[in-house]
């Protein structure tokens, strides 16, 4: 699912390769904590606007990770 989301959503902030690598390492070793309240966010048009680094890390780690998801988040919310 993470790979599909990345392929179909290209309007997100810049990717941080270091962050992705660190997240993937933690996911693969079981040190990732998904229960933080931080969500994967989609705007009113279904575009991924927050969570691309985490999605890339899931693909890199090749593990299943659960996330809370928020839909219909106003795009301008990402400016703060």
PDB file of N, CA and C in Angstrom:
ATOM      1  N   UNK A   1       0.825  -1.187   0.000  1.00  0.00           N
ATOM      2  CA  UNK A   1       0.000   0.000   0.000  1.00  0.00           C
ATOM      3  C   UNK A   1       0.873   1.256   0.000  1.00  0.00           C
ATOM      4  N   UNK A   2       1.967   1.227   0.781  1.00  0.00           N
ATOM      5  CA  UNK A   2       2.863   2.392   0.839  1.00  0.00           C
ATOM      6  C   UNK A   2       3.434   2.697  -0.533  1.00  0.00           C
ATOM      7  N   UNK A   3       3.837   1.667  -1.254  1.00  0.00           N
ATOM      8  CA  UNK A   3       4.398   1.861  -2.593  1.00  0.00           C
ATOM      9  C   UNK A   3       3.348   2.465  -3.519  1.00  0.00           C
ATOM     10  N   UNK A   4       2.136   1.967  -3.461  1.00  0.00           N
ATOM     11  CA  UNK A   4       1.056   2.502  -4.285  1.00  0.00           C
ATOM     12  C   UNK A   4       0.798   3.976  -3.971  1.00  0.00           C
ATOM     13  N   UNK A   5       0.761   4.308  -2.677  1.00  0.00           N
ATOM     14  CA  UNK A   5       0.530   5.698  -2.286  1.00  0.00           C
ATOM     15  C   UNK A   5       1.599   6.619  -2.853  1.00  0.00           C
ATOM     16  N   UNK A   6       2.841   6.186  -2.807  1.00  0.00           N
ATOM     17  CA  UNK A   6       3.930   7.005  -3.328  1.00  0.00           C
ATOM     18  C   UNK A   6       3.858   7.150  -4.842  1.00  0.00           C
ATOM     19  N   UNK A   7       3.462   6.097  -5.518  1.00  0.00           N
ATOM     20  CA  UNK A   7       3.355   6.149  -6.979  1.00  0.00           C
ATOM     21  C   UNK A   7       2.213   7.038  -7.446  1.00  0.00           C
ATOM     22  N   UNK A   8       1.166   7.141  -6.644  1.00  0.00           N
ATOM     23  CA  UNK A   8      -0.019   7.886  -7.047  1.00  0.00           C
ATOM     24  C   UNK A   8      -0.136   9.261  -6.396  1.00  0.00           C
ATOM     25  N   UNK A   9       0.820   9.595  -5.572  1.00  0.00           N
ATOM     26  CA  UNK A   9       0.832  10.913  -4.929  1.00  0.00           C
ATOM     27  C   UNK A   9       2.228  11.496  -5.081  1.00  0.00           C
ATOM     28  N   UNK A  10       2.322  12.547  -5.827  1.00  0.00           N
ATOM     29  CA  UNK A  10       3.637  13.145  -6.077  1.00  0.00           C
ATOM     30  C   UNK A  10       3.722  14.587  -5.609  1.00  0.00           C
ATOM     31  N   UNK A  11       2.698  15.064  -4.951  1.00  0.00           N
ATOM     32  CA  UNK A  11       2.645  16.466  -4.549  1.00  0.00           C
ATOM     33  C   UNK A  11       2.918  16.617  -3.057  1.00  0.00           C
ATOM     34  N   UNK A  12       4.047  16.041  -2.587  1.00  0.00           N
ATOM     35  CA  UNK A  12       4.377  16.161  -1.178  1.00  0.00           C
ATOM     36  C   UNK A  12       5.707  16.873  -1.008  1.00  0.00           C
ATOM     37  N   UNK A  13       6.017  17.186   0.217  1.00  0.00           N
ATOM     38  CA  UNK A  13       7.252  17.906   0.520  1.00  0.00           C
ATOM     39  C   UNK A  13       8.476  17.092   0.122  1.00  0.00           C
ATOM     40  N   UNK A  14       9.636  17.737   0.147  1.00  0.00           N
ATOM     41  CA  UNK A  14      10.879  17.064  -0.202  1.00  0.00           C
ATOM     42  C   UNK A  14      11.125  15.864   0.705  1.00  0.00           C
ATOM     43  N   UNK A  15      11.702  14.835   0.124  1.00  0.00           N
ATOM     44  CA  UNK A  15      12.046  13.620   0.855  1.00  0.00           C
ATOM     45  C   UNK A  15      13.418  13.805   1.487  1.00  0.00           C
ATOM     46  N   UNK A  16      13.586  13.324   2.705  1.00  0.00           N
ATOM     47  CA  UNK A  16      14.868  13.354   3.397  1.00  0.00           C
ATOM     48  C   UNK A  16      15.448  11.941   3.396  1.00  0.00           C
ATOM     49  N   UNK A  17      16.446  11.668   2.537  1.00  0.00           N
ATOM     50  CA  UNK A  17      17.011  10.316   2.473  1.00  0.00           C
ATOM     51  C   UNK A  17      17.533   9.813   3.818  1.00  0.00           C
ATOM     52  N   UNK A  18      18.131  10.683   4.614  1.00  0.00           N
ATOM     53  CA  UNK A  18      18.642  10.274   5.925  1.00  0.00           C
ATOM     54  C   UNK A  18      17.504   9.874   6.843  1.00  0.00           C
ATOM     55  N   UNK A  19      16.446  10.649   6.848  1.00  0.00           N
ATOM     56  CA  UNK A  19      15.283  10.339   7.671  1.00  0.00           C
ATOM     57  C   UNK A  19      14.664   9.017   7.244  1.00  0.00           C
ATOM     58  N   UNK A  20      14.506   8.832   5.942  1.00  0.00           N
ATOM     59  CA  UNK A  20      13.926   7.585   5.431  1.00  0.00           C
ATOM     60  C   UNK A  20      14.772   6.395   5.866  1.00  0.00           C
ATOM     61  N   UNK A  21      16.075   6.502   5.716  1.00  0.00           N
ATOM     62  CA  UNK A  21      16.980   5.410   6.095  1.00  0.00           C
ATOM     63  C   UNK A  21      16.863   5.091   7.584  1.00  0.00           C
ATOM     64  N   UNK A  22      16.834   6.129   8.417  1.00  0.00           N
ATOM     65  CA  UNK A  22      16.727   5.920   9.862  1.00  0.00           C
ATOM     66  C   UNK A  22      15.376   5.303  10.241  1.00  0.00           C
ATOM     67  N   UNK A  23      14.304   5.801   9.637  1.00  0.00           N
ATOM     68  CA  UNK A  23      12.982   5.227   9.903  1.00  0.00           C
ATOM     69  C   UNK A  23      12.950   3.762   9.489  1.00  0.00           C
ATOM     70  N   UNK A  24      13.484   3.454   8.296  1.00  0.00           N
ATOM     71  CA  UNK A  24      13.467   2.084   7.785  1.00  0.00           C
ATOM     72  C   UNK A  24      14.251   1.155   8.709  1.00  0.00           C
ATOM     73  N   UNK A  25      15.385   1.629   9.190  1.00  0.00           N
ATOM     74  CA  UNK A  25      16.181   0.814  10.122  1.00  0.00           C
ATOM     75  C   UNK A  25      15.353   0.489  11.359  1.00  0.00           C
ATOM     76  N   UNK A  26      14.699   1.511  11.917  1.00  0.00           N
ATOM     77  CA  UNK A  26      13.904   1.300  13.125  1.00  0.00           C
ATOM     78  C   UNK A  26      12.715   0.372  12.859  1.00  0.00           C
ATOM     79  N   UNK A  27      12.093   0.519  11.709  1.00  0.00           N
ATOM     80  CA  UNK A  27      10.963  -0.351  11.371  1.00  0.00           C
ATOM     81  C   UNK A  27      11.422  -1.795  11.237  1.00  0.00           C
ATOM     82  N   UNK A  28      12.528  -1.989  10.573  1.00  0.00           N
ATOM     83  CA  UNK A  28      13.040  -3.341  10.321  1.00  0.00           C
ATOM     84  C   UNK A  28      13.492  -4.041  11.604  1.00  0.00           C
ATOM     85  N   UNK A  29      14.048  -3.277  12.543  1.00  0.00           N
ATOM     86  CA  UNK A  29      14.551  -3.875  13.785  1.00  0.00           C
ATOM     87  C   UNK A  29      13.496  -3.943  14.887  1.00  0.00           C
ATOM     88  N   UNK A  30      12.289  -3.446  14.602  1.00  0.00           N
ATOM     89  CA  UNK A  30      11.223  -3.484  15.597  1.00  0.00           C
ATOM     90  C   UNK A  30      11.275  -2.339  16.594  1.00  0.00           C
ATOM     91  N   UNK A  31      12.093  -1.330  16.300  1.00  0.00           N
ATOM     92  CA  UNK A  31      12.210  -0.180  17.196  1.00  0.00           C
ATOM     93  C   UNK A  31      11.315   0.986  16.786  1.00  0.00           C
ATOM     94  N   UNK A  32      10.430   0.770  15.841  1.00  0.00           N
ATOM     95  CA  UNK A  32       9.534   1.829  15.379  1.00  0.00           C
ATOM     96  C   UNK A  32       8.298   1.850  16.253  1.00  0.00           C
ATOM     97  N   UNK A  33       7.916   3.031  16.706  1.00  0.00           N
ATOM     98  CA  UNK A  33       6.721   3.195  17.531  1.00  0.00           C
ATOM     99  C   UNK A  33       5.668   3.941  16.723  1.00  0.00           C
ATOM    100  N   UNK A  34       4.641   3.241  16.286  1.00  0.00           N
ATOM    101  CA  UNK A  34       3.570   3.872  15.506  1.00  0.00           C
ATOM    102  C   UNK A  34       2.533   4.547  16.384  1.00  0.00           C
ATOM    103  N   UNK A  35       2.557   4.283  17.666  1.00  0.00           N
ATOM    104  CA  UNK A  35       1.538   4.782  18.574  1.00  0.00           C
ATOM    105  C   UNK A  35       1.938   6.123  19.174  1.00  0.00           C
ATOM    106  N   UNK A  36       2.137   7.122  18.295  1.00  0.00           N
ATOM    107  CA  UNK A  36       2.569   8.438  18.755  1.00  0.00           C
ATOM    108  C   UNK A  36       1.504   9.512  18.560  1.00  0.00           C
ATOM    109  N   UNK A  37       0.434   9.172  17.856  1.00  0.00           N
ATOM    110  CA  UNK A  37      -0.593  10.167  17.561  1.00  0.00           C
ATOM    111  C   UNK A  37      -0.329  10.905  16.265  1.00  0.00           C
ATOM    112  N   UNK A  38       0.855  10.722  15.690  1.00  0.00           N
ATOM    113  CA  UNK A  38       1.179  11.363  14.412  1.00  0.00           C
ATOM    114  C   UNK A  38       0.503  10.570  13.298  1.00  0.00           C
ATOM    115  N   UNK A  39      -0.158  11.273  12.393  1.00  0.00           N
ATOM    116  CA  UNK A  39      -0.932  10.602  11.351  1.00  0.00           C
ATOM    117  C   UNK A  39      -0.291  10.748   9.979  1.00  0.00           C
ATOM    118  N   UNK A  40      -0.679   9.862   9.090  1.00  0.00           N
ATOM    119  CA  UNK A  40      -0.446  10.027   7.664  1.00  0.00           C
ATOM    120  C   UNK A  40      -1.610  10.887   7.202  1.00  0.00           C
ATOM    121  N   UNK A  41      -1.336  11.994   6.510  1.00  0.00           N
ATOM    122  CA  UNK A  41      -2.401  12.953   6.197  1.00  0.00           C
ATOM    123  C   UNK A  41      -2.660  13.049   4.694  1.00  0.00           C
ATOM    124  N   UNK A  42      -3.953  13.106   4.372  1.00  0.00           N
ATOM    125  CA  UNK A  42      -4.402  13.314   3.007  1.00  0.00           C
ATOM    126  C   UNK A  42      -5.267  14.560   2.967  1.00  0.00           C
ATOM    127  N   UNK A  43      -5.126  15.355   1.893  1.00  0.00           N
ATOM    128  CA  UNK A  43      -5.940  16.570   1.778  1.00  0.00           C
ATOM    129  C   UNK A  43      -7.323  16.242   1.228  1.00  0.00           C
ATOM    130  N   UNK A  44      -8.095  17.287   0.976  1.00  0.00           N
ATOM    131  CA  UNK A  44      -9.478  17.120   0.527  1.00  0.00           C
ATOM    132  C   UNK A  44      -9.574  16.435  -0.828  1.00  0.00           C
ATOM    133  N   UNK A  45      -8.485  16.463  -1.615  1.00  0.00           N
ATOM    134  CA  UNK A  45      -8.484  15.847  -2.939  1.00  0.00           C
ATOM    135  C   UNK A  45      -7.846  14.461  -2.928  1.00  0.00           C
ATOM    136  N   UNK A  46      -7.490  13.968  -1.741  1.00  0.00           N
ATOM    137  CA  UNK A  46      -6.907  12.647  -1.626  1.00  0.00           C
ATOM    138  C   UNK A  46      -5.405  12.591  -1.825  1.00  0.00           C
ATOM    139  N   UNK A  47      -4.751  13.762  -1.864  1.00  0.00           N
ATOM    140  CA  UNK A  47      -3.302  13.812  -2.021  1.00  0.00           C
ATOM    141  C   UNK A  47      -2.608  13.586  -0.688  1.00  0.00           C
ATOM    142  N   UNK A  48      -1.549  12.793  -0.719  1.00  0.00           N
ATOM    143  CA  UNK A  48      -0.725  12.571   0.467  1.00  0.00           C
ATOM    144  C   UNK A  48       0.029  13.866   0.759  1.00  0.00           C
ATOM    145  N   UNK A  49      -0.235  14.481   1.911  1.00  0.00           N
ATOM    146  CA  UNK A  49       0.434  15.747   2.224  1.00  0.00           C
ATOM    147  C   UNK A  49       1.364  15.650   3.427  1.00  0.00           C
ATOM    148  N   UNK A  50       1.321  14.538   4.143  1.00  0.00           N
ATOM    149  CA  UNK A  50       2.250  14.327   5.253  1.00  0.00           C
ATOM    150  C   UNK A  50       2.402  12.828   5.474  1.00  0.00           C
ATOM    151  N   UNK A  51       3.645  12.369   5.415  1.00  0.00           N
ATOM    152  CA  UNK A  51       3.909  10.959   5.648  1.00  0.00           C
ATOM    153  C   UNK A  51       4.725  10.297   4.551  1.00  0.00           C
ATOM    154  N   UNK A  52       5.181  11.051   3.569  1.00  0.00           N
ATOM    155  CA  UNK A  52       5.934  10.458   2.459  1.00  0.00           C
ATOM    156  C   UNK A  52       7.230   9.811   2.935  1.00  0.00           C
ATOM    157  N   UNK A  53       7.937  10.448   3.879  1.00  0.00           N
ATOM    158  CA  UNK A  53       9.160   9.831   4.402  1.00  0.00           C
ATOM    159  C   UNK A  53       8.844   8.499   5.072  1.00  0.00           C
ATOM    160  N   UNK A  54       7.763   8.459   5.830  1.00  0.00           N
ATOM    161  CA  UNK A  54       7.376   7.215   6.501  1.00  0.00           C
ATOM    162  C   UNK A  54       6.959   6.150   5.496  1.00  0.00           C
ATOM    163  N   UNK A  55       6.250   6.537   4.443  1.00  0.00           N
ATOM    164  CA  UNK A  55       5.854   5.583   3.419  1.00  0.00           C
ATOM    165  C   UNK A  55       7.078   5.022   2.683  1.00  0.00           C
ATOM    166  N   UNK A  56       8.038   5.890   2.355  1.00  0.00           N
ATOM    167  CA  UNK A  56       9.266   5.422   1.704  1.00  0.00           C
ATOM    168  C   UNK A  56      10.035   4.472   2.624  1.00  0.00           C
ATOM    169  N   UNK A  57      10.030   4.756   3.913  1.00  0.00           N
ATOM    170  CA  UNK A  57      10.723   3.885   4.871  1.00  0.00           C
ATOM    171  C   UNK A  57      10.065   2.513   4.938  1.00  0.00           C
ATOM    172  N   UNK A  58       8.750   2.467   4.883  1.00  0.00           N
ATOM    173  CA  UNK A  58       8.037   1.182   4.882  1.00  0.00           C
ATOM    174  C   UNK A  58       8.454   0.370   3.657  1.00  0.00           C
ATOM    175  N   UNK A  59       8.513   1.022   2.504  1.00  0.00           N
ATOM    176  CA  UNK A  59       8.925   0.335   1.276  1.00  0.00           C
ATOM    177  C   UNK A  59      10.359  -0.154   1.414  1.00  0.00           C
ATOM    178  N   UNK A  60      11.256   0.700   1.921  1.00  0.00           N
ATOM    179  CA  UNK A  60      12.659   0.325   2.071  1.00  0.00           C
ATOM    180  C   UNK A  60      12.831  -0.824   3.063  1.00  0.00           C
ATOM    181  N   UNK A  61      12.108  -0.778   4.165  1.00  0.00           N
ATOM    182  CA  UNK A  61      12.234  -1.802   5.200  1.00  0.00           C
ATOM    183  C   UNK A  61      11.531  -3.096   4.798  1.00  0.00           C
ATOM    184  N   UNK A  62      10.564  -2.983   3.912  1.00  0.00           N
ATOM    185  CA  UNK A  62       9.785  -4.129   3.453  1.00  0.00           C
ATOM    186  C   UNK A  62       9.121  -4.852   4.623  1.00  0.00           C
ATOM    187  N   UNK A  63       8.471  -4.045   5.470  1.00  0.00           N
ATOM    188  CA  UNK A  63       7.727  -4.576   6.609  1.00  0.00           C
ATOM    189  C   UNK A  63       6.356  -3.908   6.652  1.00  0.00           C
ATOM    190  N   UNK A  64       5.431  -4.539   7.333  1.00  0.00           N
ATOM    191  CA  UNK A  64       4.109  -3.956   7.527  1.00  0.00           C
ATOM    192  C   UNK A  64       4.136  -3.080   8.773  1.00  0.00           C
ATOM    193  N   UNK A  65       3.650  -1.861   8.625  1.00  0.00           N
ATOM    194  CA  UNK A  65       3.594  -0.924   9.747  1.00  0.00           C
ATOM    195  C   UNK A  65       2.204  -0.294   9.757  1.00  0.00           C
ATOM    196  N   UNK A  66       1.587  -0.216  10.920  1.00  0.00           N
ATOM    197  CA  UNK A  66       0.281   0.429  11.038  1.00  0.00           C
ATOM    198  C   UNK A  66       0.464   1.903  11.354  1.00  0.00           C
ATOM    199  N   UNK A  67      -0.383   2.722  10.749  1.00  0.00           N
ATOM    200  CA  UNK A  67      -0.384   4.166  10.992  1.00  0.00           C
ATOM    201  C   UNK A  67      -1.811   4.637  11.185  1.00  0.00           C
ATOM    202  N   UNK A  68      -1.988   5.658  11.984  1.00  0.00           N
ATOM    203  CA  UNK A  68      -3.256   6.362  12.019  1.00  0.00           C
ATOM    204  C   UNK A  68      -3.289   7.240  10.772  1.00  0.00           C
ATOM    205  N   UNK A  69      -4.481   7.425  10.207  1.00  0.00           N
ATOM    206  CA  UNK A  69      -4.615   8.179   8.964  1.00  0.00           C
ATOM    207  C   UNK A  69      -5.670   9.262   9.161  1.00  0.00           C
ATOM    208  N   UNK A  70      -5.359  10.451   8.659  1.00  0.00           N
ATOM    209  CA  UNK A  70      -6.309  11.567   8.689  1.00  0.00           C
ATOM    210  C   UNK A  70      -6.649  11.955   7.255  1.00  0.00           C
ATOM    211  N   UNK A  71      -7.924  12.078   6.981  1.00  0.00           N
ATOM    212  CA  UNK A  71      -8.407  12.450   5.652  1.00  0.00           C
ATOM    213  C   UNK A  71      -9.011  13.849   5.692  1.00  0.00           C
ATOM    214  N   UNK A  72      -9.064  14.479   4.530  1.00  0.00           N
ATOM    215  CA  UNK A  72      -9.683  15.797   4.365  1.00  0.00           C
ATOM    216  C   UNK A  72      -8.993  16.880   5.184  1.00  0.00           C
ATOM    217  N   UNK A  73      -7.689  16.741   5.366  1.00  0.00           N
ATOM    218  CA  UNK A  73      -6.918  17.766   6.079  1.00  0.00           C
ATOM    219  C   UNK A  73      -6.708  18.923   5.119  1.00  0.00           C
ATOM    220  N   UNK A  74      -7.037  20.154   5.505  1.00  0.00           N
ATOM    221  CA  UNK A  74      -6.819  21.290   4.615  1.00  0.00           C
ATOM    222  C   UNK A  74      -5.332  21.388   4.238  1.00  0.00           C
ATOM    223  N   UNK A  75      -5.062  21.567   2.960  1.00  0.00           N
ATOM    224  CA  UNK A  75      -3.695  21.641   2.468  1.00  0.00           C
ATOM    225  C   UNK A  75      -2.898  22.709   3.215  1.00  0.00           C
ATOM    226  N   UNK A  76      -3.526  23.810   3.517  1.00  0.00           N
ATOM    227  CA  UNK A  76      -2.822  24.907   4.201  1.00  0.00           C
ATOM    228  C   UNK A  76      -2.411  24.546   5.625  1.00  0.00           C
ATOM    229  N   UNK A  77      -2.961  23.472   6.159  1.00  0.00           N
ATOM    230  CA  UNK A  77      -2.563  23.031   7.503  1.00  0.00           C
ATOM    231  C   UNK A  77      -1.092  22.630   7.545  1.00  0.00           C
ATOM    232  N   UNK A  78      -0.530  22.240   6.420  1.00  0.00           N
ATOM    233  CA  UNK A  78       0.857  21.814   6.365  1.00  0.00           C
ATOM    234  C   UNK A  78       1.828  22.989   6.367  1.00  0.00           C
ATOM    235  N   UNK A  79       1.319  24.201   6.304  1.00  0.00           N
ATOM    236  CA  UNK A  79       2.179  25.389   6.331  1.00  0.00           C
ATOM    237  C   UNK A  79       2.603  25.754   7.742  1.00  0.00           C
ATOM    238  N   UNK A  80       2.013  25.133   8.731  1.00  0.00           N
ATOM    239  CA  UNK A  80       2.358  25.448  10.126  1.00  0.00           C
ATOM    240  C   UNK A  80       3.081  24.302  10.777  1.00  0.00           C
TER     241      UNK A  80
END
